[in-house]
Amino acid sequence: MYRYDKSSRVWNLINNADRLSQNGIVFADARWDSTGTTDPITDTLPDVTTMLTSNYIDQDAPDFRLYPRGSLLFNTRRSGYSVKKFVNNYFNNSAFPSLPTIPGAGSVLPEQTSTWVTQIGYKTNGEPKMGRHSQRNEIVAALKAAIDSNTDLREEGYNFNLLAAPGYPELIPNLVALNNDRGQTGFVIGDTNMQLQNSAAEIINYEDTELPTPSPYLAVYYPSALTNDLSGNEVAVPASHMMLRTFLYNDQVAYQWFAPAGTRRGLIDNANAIGYVDSETGMFMRTGINNALRDTLYDNRINPITLLNGVGIVAYGQKTRNSAISNAGSSLDRVNVARLVNYLRTIMGGVANQFIFEPNDKITRDQVKTAIEGLLNDLVAKRGVYDYLVVCDETNNTSDRIARNELYVDVAIEPMKAVEFIYIPIRLKNPGTISGSTTAAETA
């Protein structure tokens, strides 16, 4: 928006975040019509020109005395470029007991007590969120509230091991919190912003500012994709659209503790192209993810989805968002290991429940140990762990613990690691050298 300066005959750009200077602007609800008598639902929408000669303002309009002379007011109540909520009986004696609330407002409540109340939200710099940003602000707030307040999702009776909110990376902290409340028995598939460009600098900045949530049970993927809806129209979709299907396929042909990546279990068949949505034009920009960009993504714990010649679109990473500090030496920095732990927590919880209220003696301890060892033997056979150790005896079930009605089982596992780097050095030898060698060392 611009303000016209009559003295210099120039249109000057208005700083939408300025609410302190005489050149600033205030975004607030001020009035719906020129009299307070127009029903906002059934009556004809009054023309804005009829309001130019009226001094009428609603009781919740901003107090002009709080702003410098010369400040502009943007009446969001009549704006068509923001989200509004209809509130029945908004103007009532309880909410507005002393009239007028501000100079210029009426001494009585308006005839129409119901009205639209703007729900826009503000950016970090103070600018209002308008248009699609206003819509997204309300949708995200509603989704966050739904996740945070849902007690059913936190009950043991609901069994699920994947959590995602496709297209809404703002919900990642809420999904992580939900998973924590459920004892970390699930895994969160997170998106990056669909407008994130394929630039190393943009990706590093995005990781620093937009992905602060650390969790070993969260993986984030990039980029977005182009696919077809049920009517055949091309639509842009977030990365989780591809990865949800990839995770499910991985679990169908293998197990949770196998990596949902690579050409065997990471092939993506529900997307036609990869890229990002241009923030200026809204067009989908088809891009590739070259080796250098894949390295940048992986170094920043964002898993690349790439296009391999002769293969197709492939999920080419399986790092979790485990804390960068704890990544060193931690197996939980990989998706397959984190999901193995999810699985173990779930099934071991079921085993433990069978022994609740049993006598806390050696017989019960031996039975618990045998049951858990049986589960782990199965995981060894199914390539989930290399080896394990289960301790459930008097060393970790002391008399104090028994007195507190507690039974402890200590489990240590060596989780199976996935191959992520293959090195194939090629050596040039003279004729006849190789035939007499039996080991790689002899050919060096």
Protein backbone atom coordinates (compact mmCIF):
# COMPACT_ATOMS: atom_id res chain seq x y z
CA MET A 1 0.00 0.00 0.00
CA TYR A 2 1.07 3.55 -0.74
CA ARG A 3 0.29 6.96 0.77
CA TYR A 4 0.09 10.00 -1.50
CA ASP A 5 2.16 13.02 -0.47
CA LYS A 6 0.41 16.09 -1.89
CA SER A 7 3.36 18.42 -1.31
CA SER A 8 5.80 16.32 -3.32
CA ARG A 9 3.15 14.63 -5.49
CA VAL A 10 4.71 11.25 -4.81
CA TRP A 11 3.24 7.91 -3.71
CA ASN A 12 5.29 6.59 -0.77
CA LEU A 13 5.31 2.93 0.22
CA ILE A 14 3.75 2.36 3.65
CA ASN A 15 5.66 0.26 6.16
CA ASN A 16 3.00 -2.24 7.26
CA ALA A 17 4.93 -3.02 10.43
CA ASP A 18 5.07 0.62 11.59
CA ARG A 19 2.60 1.40 14.37
CA LEU A 20 4.65 4.06 16.14
CA SER A 21 5.36 6.87 13.69
CA GLN A 22 3.06 9.38 11.99
CA ASN A 23 3.69 7.53 8.73
CA GLY A 24 2.58 4.22 10.21
CA ILE A 25 -0.61 2.24 9.82
CA VAL A 26 -2.89 0.37 12.22
CA PHE A 27 -4.72 -2.80 11.16
CA ALA A 28 -7.84 -3.27 13.28
CA ASP A 29 -11.62 -3.77 13.18
CA ALA A 30 -13.41 -0.40 13.21
CA ARG A 31 -16.88 -0.73 11.68
CA TRP A 32 -19.02 -2.82 9.36
CA ASP A 33 -21.30 -0.06 8.12
CA SER A 34 -21.99 3.64 8.68
CA THR A 35 -24.72 3.28 11.32
CA GLY A 36 -24.45 -0.07 13.12
CA THR A 37 -27.88 -1.11 11.81
CA THR A 38 -26.88 -3.40 8.92
CA ASP A 39 -27.26 -7.11 9.62
CA PRO A 40 -23.94 -8.66 8.47
CA ILE A 41 -25.68 -11.88 7.43
CA THR A 42 -29.05 -11.05 5.87
CA ASP A 43 -28.77 -7.42 4.77
CA THR A 44 -27.17 -6.13 1.60
CA LEU A 45 -23.52 -5.30 2.04
CA PRO A 46 -23.28 -1.50 2.31
CA ASP A 47 -21.12 0.27 -0.26
CA VAL A 48 -17.83 1.56 1.12
CA THR A 49 -18.54 5.00 -0.35
CA THR A 50 -21.48 5.39 2.05
CA MET A 51 -19.00 5.23 4.92
CA LEU A 52 -16.84 8.11 3.69
CA THR A 53 -19.18 10.75 5.15
CA SER A 54 -19.95 8.91 8.40
CA ASN A 55 -18.20 9.28 11.75
CA TYR A 56 -19.72 6.10 13.17
CA ILE A 57 -17.30 3.55 14.70
CA ASP A 58 -17.89 0.31 16.59
CA GLN A 59 -17.20 0.01 20.30
CA ASP A 60 -14.09 -2.16 19.68
CA ALA A 61 -12.44 0.28 17.27
CA PRO A 62 -8.88 1.34 18.20
CA ASP A 63 -8.49 4.47 20.33
CA PHE A 64 -6.99 7.17 18.11
CA ARG A 65 -5.37 8.80 21.15
CA LEU A 66 -2.89 5.92 21.39
CA TYR A 67 -1.34 6.60 17.96
CA PRO A 68 0.56 9.56 16.46
CA ARG A 69 -1.37 12.13 14.46
CA GLY A 70 -1.20 11.16 10.81
CA SER A 71 -1.35 7.38 11.37
CA LEU A 72 -3.62 5.51 8.99
CA LEU A 73 -6.28 2.98 9.96
CA PHE A 74 -6.91 -0.10 7.79
CA ASN A 75 -10.43 -1.25 8.66
CA THR A 76 -10.02 -5.03 8.66
CA ARG A 77 -13.72 -5.56 9.49
CA ARG A 78 -14.56 -4.49 5.95
CA SER A 79 -11.49 -5.94 4.29
CA GLY A 80 -12.13 -8.78 1.88
CA TYR A 81 -8.57 -10.08 2.08
CA SER A 82 -8.48 -11.65 5.53
CA VAL A 83 -10.14 -14.39 7.56
CA LYS A 84 -13.02 -13.40 9.79
CA LYS A 85 -15.03 -15.20 12.44
CA PHE A 86 -18.73 -14.48 12.92
CA VAL A 87 -19.48 -13.92 16.61
CA ASN A 88 -23.11 -13.96 17.68
CA ASN A 89 -24.06 -11.25 20.18
CA TYR A 90 -20.51 -9.88 20.14
CA PHE A 91 -21.56 -6.43 21.33
CA ASN A 92 -23.15 -7.15 24.70
CA ASN A 93 -23.35 -5.46 28.09
CA SER A 94 -20.88 -7.88 29.69
CA ALA A 95 -18.17 -7.29 27.10
CA PHE A 96 -18.81 -3.55 26.86
CA PRO A 97 -20.20 -2.44 30.25
CA SER A 98 -19.16 1.22 30.09
CA LEU A 99 -20.09 3.21 26.98
CA PRO A 100 -18.65 4.76 25.03
CA THR A 101 -15.48 2.68 25.19
CA ILE A 102 -13.49 5.22 23.14
CA PRO A 103 -14.08 8.78 21.92
CA GLY A 104 -16.38 8.79 18.91
CA ALA A 105 -18.17 5.53 19.73
CA GLY A 106 -21.89 5.57 20.49
CA SER A 107 -23.35 5.89 23.95
CA VAL A 108 -25.45 2.76 23.37
CA LEU A 109 -24.69 -0.64 21.89
CA PRO A 110 -25.32 -0.96 18.14
CA GLU A 111 -28.65 -2.27 16.91
CA GLN A 112 -26.91 -5.26 15.35
CA THR A 113 -25.02 -6.95 18.18
CA SER A 114 -23.56 -9.76 16.03
CA THR A 115 -20.59 -9.07 13.78
CA TRP A 116 -17.50 -10.38 12.02
CA VAL A 117 -14.29 -10.35 14.05
CA THR A 118 -11.03 -10.46 12.12
CA GLN A 119 -8.69 -13.40 12.75
CA ILE A 120 -5.49 -12.54 10.90
CA GLY A 121 -2.49 -13.07 13.13
CA TYR A 122 0.77 -11.20 12.68
CA LYS A 123 4.18 -11.97 11.24
CA THR A 124 7.32 -11.76 13.35
CA ASN A 125 8.00 -8.23 12.05
CA GLY A 126 4.53 -7.06 13.06
CA GLU A 127 2.93 -7.11 9.62
CA PRO A 128 -0.57 -8.58 9.47
CA LYS A 129 -1.12 -11.90 7.73
CA MET A 130 -3.49 -11.28 4.86
CA GLY A 131 -4.90 -13.44 2.06
CA ARG A 132 -3.58 -17.00 1.98
CA HIS A 133 -1.30 -16.23 4.93
CA SER A 134 -4.34 -15.27 6.98
CA GLN A 135 -6.09 -18.47 5.96
CA ARG A 136 -3.09 -20.61 6.81
CA ASN A 137 -2.68 -18.89 10.16
CA GLU A 138 -6.18 -19.95 11.20
CA ILE A 139 -5.90 -23.47 9.79
CA VAL A 140 -2.58 -24.07 11.54
CA ALA A 141 -3.94 -22.72 14.83
CA ALA A 142 -6.97 -25.03 14.58
CA LEU A 143 -4.83 -28.08 13.71
CA LYS A 144 -2.42 -27.39 16.57
CA ALA A 145 -5.30 -27.07 19.01
CA ALA A 146 -6.84 -30.31 17.72
CA ILE A 147 -3.60 -32.25 18.24
CA ASP A 148 -2.73 -30.73 21.60
CA SER A 149 -6.20 -31.17 23.12
CA ASN A 150 -7.03 -34.64 21.78
CA THR A 151 -6.96 -37.11 24.65
CA ASP A 152 -8.14 -40.07 22.57
CA LEU A 153 -4.95 -40.01 20.48
CA ARG A 154 -2.98 -40.41 23.69
CA GLU A 155 -4.86 -43.53 24.82
CA GLU A 156 -3.23 -46.95 24.53
CA GLY A 157 -6.26 -48.24 22.65
CA TYR A 158 -5.27 -46.29 19.54
CA ASN A 159 -2.48 -48.17 17.79
CA PHE A 160 -0.44 -46.34 15.14
CA ASN A 161 3.27 -45.97 14.46
CA LEU A 162 3.44 -43.14 11.88
CA LEU A 163 2.47 -39.51 12.43
CA ALA A 164 2.32 -36.84 9.71
CA ALA A 165 0.54 -33.60 8.80
CA PRO A 166 1.20 -33.35 5.04
CA GLY A 167 1.90 -29.80 3.93
CA TYR A 168 2.06 -28.36 7.44
CA PRO A 169 5.64 -28.34 8.79
CA GLU A 170 4.39 -25.90 11.46
CA LEU A 171 2.77 -28.91 13.18
CA ILE A 172 6.03 -30.86 13.62
CA PRO A 173 6.52 -29.72 17.27
CA ASN A 174 2.94 -30.74 18.09
CA LEU A 175 3.34 -34.18 16.50
CA VAL A 176 6.62 -34.71 18.37
CA ALA A 177 4.91 -33.75 21.63
CA LEU A 178 2.04 -36.16 20.86
CA ASN A 179 4.52 -38.95 20.19
CA ASN A 180 6.33 -38.19 23.45
CA ASP A 181 3.02 -38.42 25.31
CA ARG A 182 2.51 -41.85 23.74
CA GLY A 183 5.86 -43.10 25.04
CA GLN A 184 7.71 -42.54 21.74
CA THR A 185 6.12 -45.56 20.10
CA GLY A 186 5.63 -43.79 16.77
CA PHE A 187 7.67 -42.00 14.14
CA VAL A 188 7.00 -38.51 12.74
CA ILE A 189 7.39 -37.85 9.00
CA GLY A 190 7.97 -34.12 8.58
CA ASP A 191 7.85 -31.78 5.59
CA THR A 192 10.00 -28.86 4.59
CA ASN A 193 8.36 -25.70 3.27
CA MET A 194 6.99 -26.31 -0.23
CA GLN A 195 8.44 -22.93 -1.28
CA LEU A 196 11.98 -23.81 -0.16
CA GLN A 197 14.26 -23.37 -3.18
CA ASN A 198 16.96 -25.84 -4.16
CA SER A 199 19.76 -23.60 -2.94
CA ALA A 200 22.37 -24.68 -0.39
CA ALA A 201 22.23 -21.28 1.32
CA GLU A 202 18.41 -21.37 1.52
CA ILE A 203 18.45 -24.89 2.93
CA ILE A 204 21.07 -24.11 5.58
CA ASN A 205 19.14 -21.01 6.66
CA TYR A 206 15.88 -22.97 6.74
CA GLU A 207 17.43 -25.66 8.93
CA ASP A 208 18.76 -23.04 11.33
CA THR A 209 15.54 -21.03 11.65
CA GLU A 210 12.58 -23.25 10.77
CA LEU A 211 13.54 -26.72 12.04
CA PRO A 212 14.46 -26.26 15.69
CA THR A 213 12.64 -29.36 16.96
CA PRO A 214 15.17 -32.11 17.77
CA SER A 215 13.87 -35.65 18.08
CA PRO A 216 15.32 -39.07 17.24
CA TYR A 217 11.81 -40.10 16.21
CA LEU A 218 11.41 -37.45 13.51
CA ALA A 219 12.69 -37.35 9.93
CA VAL A 220 12.29 -34.41 7.55
CA TYR A 221 12.35 -34.70 3.75
CA TYR A 222 12.97 -32.41 0.76
CA PRO A 223 11.80 -31.43 -1.87
CA SER A 224 8.11 -31.33 -2.77
CA ALA A 225 6.61 -33.03 -5.80
CA LEU A 226 4.15 -32.81 -8.67
CA THR A 227 1.50 -35.49 -9.10
CA ASN A 228 -2.06 -35.98 -10.39
CA ASP A 229 -5.27 -35.83 -8.37
CA LEU A 230 -8.21 -38.20 -8.91
CA SER A 231 -9.49 -36.00 -11.74
CA GLY A 232 -6.17 -36.10 -13.58
CA ASN A 233 -5.17 -32.52 -12.71
CA GLU A 234 -1.54 -31.80 -11.87
CA VAL A 235 -1.15 -30.74 -8.24
CA ALA A 236 1.82 -29.88 -6.05
CA VAL A 237 2.21 -32.09 -2.97
CA PRO A 238 4.58 -32.01 0.04
CA ALA A 239 7.39 -34.48 0.59
CA SER A 240 5.39 -36.49 3.12
CA HIS A 241 2.89 -37.34 0.35
CA MET A 242 5.68 -39.44 -1.16
CA MET A 243 7.25 -40.65 2.07
CA LEU A 244 4.08 -41.93 3.73
CA ARG A 245 3.63 -44.31 0.81
CA THR A 246 7.34 -45.18 0.88
CA PHE A 247 7.26 -46.03 4.61
CA LEU A 248 4.18 -48.21 4.12
CA TYR A 249 5.76 -50.01 1.17
CA ASN A 250 8.93 -50.59 3.19
CA ASP A 251 6.92 -52.13 6.03
CA GLN A 252 4.96 -54.28 3.58
CA VAL A 253 7.94 -55.85 1.78
CA ALA A 254 10.31 -55.79 4.78
CA TYR A 255 10.06 -54.58 8.39
CA GLN A 256 10.08 -51.30 10.32
CA TRP A 257 13.78 -51.71 11.07
CA PHE A 258 14.72 -51.68 7.39
CA ALA A 259 15.65 -48.33 5.87
CA PRO A 260 12.80 -46.78 3.80
CA ALA A 261 15.29 -45.49 1.25
CA GLY A 262 17.30 -46.54 -1.78
CA THR A 263 16.32 -48.29 -4.98
CA ARG A 264 14.89 -51.41 -3.30
CA ARG A 265 12.47 -49.89 -0.81
CA GLY A 266 12.74 -46.15 -1.49
CA LEU A 267 11.40 -45.95 -5.04
CA ILE A 268 8.60 -43.38 -5.30
CA ASP A 269 5.78 -44.11 -7.72
CA ASN A 270 3.16 -41.53 -6.71
CA ALA A 271 4.95 -38.45 -8.08
CA ASN A 272 5.82 -37.24 -11.59
CA ALA A 273 8.46 -34.65 -10.77
CA ILE A 274 10.24 -33.05 -7.83
CA GLY A 275 10.78 -29.35 -7.15
CA TYR A 276 9.31 -26.44 -5.24
CA VAL A 277 6.51 -23.89 -5.51
CA ASP A 278 7.73 -20.43 -6.54
CA SER A 279 6.63 -17.95 -3.86
CA GLU A 280 6.14 -15.14 -6.38
CA THR A 281 4.29 -16.86 -9.22
CA GLY A 282 2.79 -19.89 -7.48
CA MET A 283 4.16 -22.06 -10.29
CA PHE A 284 5.78 -25.42 -9.61
CA MET A 285 9.47 -25.31 -10.52
CA ARG A 286 10.83 -28.69 -11.56
CA THR A 287 14.33 -29.25 -10.24
CA GLY A 288 16.86 -31.96 -9.65
CA ILE A 289 18.84 -32.64 -6.48
CA ASN A 290 22.50 -32.98 -7.47
CA ASN A 291 25.23 -34.60 -5.41
CA ALA A 292 26.39 -31.36 -3.80
CA LEU A 293 22.87 -30.42 -2.72
CA ARG A 294 22.26 -33.95 -1.42
CA ASP A 295 25.37 -33.60 0.73
CA THR A 296 24.16 -30.22 2.06
CA LEU A 297 20.77 -31.66 2.91
CA TYR A 298 22.24 -34.71 4.62
CA ASP A 299 24.76 -32.64 6.59
CA ASN A 300 21.78 -30.62 7.88
CA ARG A 301 19.77 -33.74 8.77
CA ILE A 302 17.24 -33.27 5.95
CA ASN A 303 16.69 -36.35 3.81
CA PRO A 304 16.90 -35.76 0.06
CA ILE A 305 14.44 -37.13 -2.46
CA THR A 306 16.22 -37.26 -5.79
CA LEU A 307 15.89 -38.36 -9.40
CA LEU A 308 18.32 -41.12 -10.41
CA ASN A 309 18.87 -41.65 -14.12
CA GLY A 310 17.46 -44.95 -15.26
CA VAL A 311 15.78 -45.55 -11.90
CA GLY A 312 13.31 -42.76 -11.14
CA ILE A 313 12.45 -40.72 -8.08
CA VAL A 314 14.07 -42.19 -4.97
CA ALA A 315 14.18 -41.42 -1.26
CA TYR A 316 17.93 -41.11 -0.77
CA GLY A 317 18.41 -40.55 2.94
CA GLN A 318 17.30 -41.81 6.33
CA LYS A 319 18.65 -39.42 8.95
CA THR A 320 16.52 -38.46 11.92
CA ARG A 321 16.31 -35.03 13.53
CA ASN A 322 18.17 -36.35 16.55
CA SER A 323 20.00 -33.57 18.36
CA ALA A 324 23.17 -32.63 16.51
CA ILE A 325 25.05 -32.79 19.81
CA SER A 326 23.96 -36.35 20.49
CA ASN A 327 24.37 -37.54 16.89
CA ALA A 328 27.98 -38.54 17.49
CA GLY A 329 27.98 -42.19 18.43
CA SER A 330 24.20 -42.46 18.57
CA SER A 331 22.42 -45.10 16.50
CA LEU A 332 19.18 -43.11 16.87
CA ASP A 333 20.36 -40.72 14.15
CA ARG A 334 19.00 -43.19 11.58
CA VAL A 335 15.36 -43.91 10.74
CA ASN A 336 15.62 -47.70 10.70
CA VAL A 337 17.13 -47.83 14.21
CA ALA A 338 14.67 -45.30 15.64
CA ARG A 339 11.73 -47.28 14.26
CA LEU A 340 13.27 -50.48 15.66
CA VAL A 341 13.16 -48.84 19.10
CA ASN A 342 9.54 -47.78 18.44
CA TYR A 343 8.72 -51.41 17.68
CA LEU A 344 10.55 -52.75 20.73
CA ARG A 345 8.77 -50.32 23.06
CA THR A 346 5.41 -51.41 21.68
CA ILE A 347 5.86 -55.16 21.81
CA MET A 348 7.79 -55.19 25.09
CA GLY A 349 5.05 -53.11 26.66
CA GLY A 350 2.60 -55.81 25.62
CA VAL A 351 4.79 -58.53 27.09
CA ALA A 352 5.24 -56.68 30.37
CA ASN A 353 1.49 -56.17 30.78
CA GLN A 354 1.02 -59.94 30.93
CA PHE A 355 3.00 -60.07 34.20
CA ILE A 356 1.34 -57.20 36.05
CA PHE A 357 0.15 -58.38 39.52
CA GLU A 358 2.16 -61.62 39.30
CA PRO A 359 4.34 -62.57 42.32
CA ASN A 360 7.57 -60.58 42.28
CA ASP A 361 9.94 -63.54 42.59
CA LYS A 362 12.55 -65.46 40.60
CA ILE A 363 9.95 -67.49 38.71
CA THR A 364 8.28 -64.36 37.34
CA ARG A 365 11.62 -62.73 36.57
CA ASP A 366 12.76 -65.80 34.63
CA GLN A 367 9.47 -65.89 32.72
CA VAL A 368 9.76 -62.21 31.76
CA LYS A 369 13.37 -62.70 30.68
CA THR A 370 12.48 -65.73 28.56
CA ALA A 371 9.59 -63.91 26.86
CA ILE A 372 11.72 -60.90 25.95
CA GLU A 373 14.61 -63.06 24.76
CA GLY A 374 12.17 -64.83 22.47
CA LEU A 375 11.19 -61.51 20.90
CA LEU A 376 14.82 -60.50 20.45
CA ASN A 377 15.76 -63.88 18.96
CA ASP A 378 13.08 -63.23 16.35
CA LEU A 379 14.62 -59.83 15.62
CA VAL A 380 18.05 -61.39 15.17
CA ALA A 381 16.58 -63.80 12.63
CA LYS A 382 14.78 -60.94 10.86
CA ARG A 383 17.95 -58.78 10.64
CA GLY A 384 16.84 -56.23 13.18
CA VAL A 385 19.66 -56.61 15.70
CA TYR A 386 23.14 -58.13 15.67
CA ASP A 387 23.10 -59.23 19.30
CA TYR A 388 21.40 -58.49 22.61
CA LEU A 389 21.57 -58.93 26.37
CA VAL A 390 18.64 -59.22 28.81
CA VAL A 391 19.13 -58.92 32.57
CA CYS A 392 16.28 -59.61 34.97
CA ASP A 393 17.55 -61.04 38.26
CA GLU A 394 18.52 -60.01 41.77
CA THR A 395 21.23 -57.65 40.46
CA ASN A 396 18.73 -55.17 39.06
CA ASN A 397 15.77 -56.19 41.23
CA THR A 398 16.99 -55.24 44.65
CA SER A 399 15.00 -55.64 47.85
CA ASP A 400 14.19 -51.90 47.77
CA ARG A 401 12.72 -52.17 44.29
CA ILE A 402 10.75 -55.25 45.20
CA ALA A 403 9.43 -53.43 48.26
CA ARG A 404 8.15 -50.70 45.91
CA ASN A 405 6.33 -53.37 43.82
CA GLU A 406 8.71 -52.79 40.91
CA LEU A 407 10.28 -55.23 38.46
CA TYR A 408 13.20 -54.11 36.31
CA VAL A 409 14.31 -55.62 32.99
CA ASP A 410 17.50 -54.19 31.48
CA VAL A 411 17.80 -54.76 27.74
CA ALA A 412 20.85 -53.92 25.63
CA ILE A 413 20.80 -54.35 21.86
CA GLU A 414 23.24 -53.93 19.01
CA PRO A 415 20.94 -52.55 16.29
CA MET A 416 21.45 -53.45 12.66
CA LYS A 417 23.07 -50.62 10.69
CA ALA A 418 22.14 -49.84 7.09
CA VAL A 419 24.69 -49.45 4.30
CA GLU A 420 24.76 -45.76 3.30
CA PHE A 421 28.21 -45.44 1.73
CA ILE A 422 29.87 -47.97 -0.59
CA TYR A 423 33.53 -47.52 -1.45
CA ILE A 424 34.92 -49.36 -4.48
CA PRO A 425 38.57 -48.43 -5.03
CA ILE A 426 39.96 -49.52 -8.42
CA ARG A 427 43.66 -50.37 -8.71
CA LEU A 428 45.63 -50.74 -11.91
CA LYS A 429 48.03 -53.71 -11.94
CA ASN A 430 50.52 -55.15 -14.40
CA PRO A 431 49.57 -58.28 -16.41
CA GLY A 432 49.92 -61.46 -14.39
CA THR A 433 49.86 -59.75 -11.01
CA ILE A 434 46.22 -60.45 -10.15
CA SER A 435 46.23 -64.17 -11.00
CA GLY A 436 48.79 -64.83 -8.29
CA SER A 437 46.96 -62.84 -5.59
CA THR A 438 44.43 -64.23 -3.14
CA THR A 439 43.48 -61.14 -1.07
CA ALA A 440 42.79 -57.47 -1.67
CA ALA A 441 45.84 -56.59 0.39
CA GLU A 442 48.10 -58.54 -1.99
CA THR A 443 46.81 -56.50 -4.95
CA ALA A 444 47.49 -53.16 -3.25
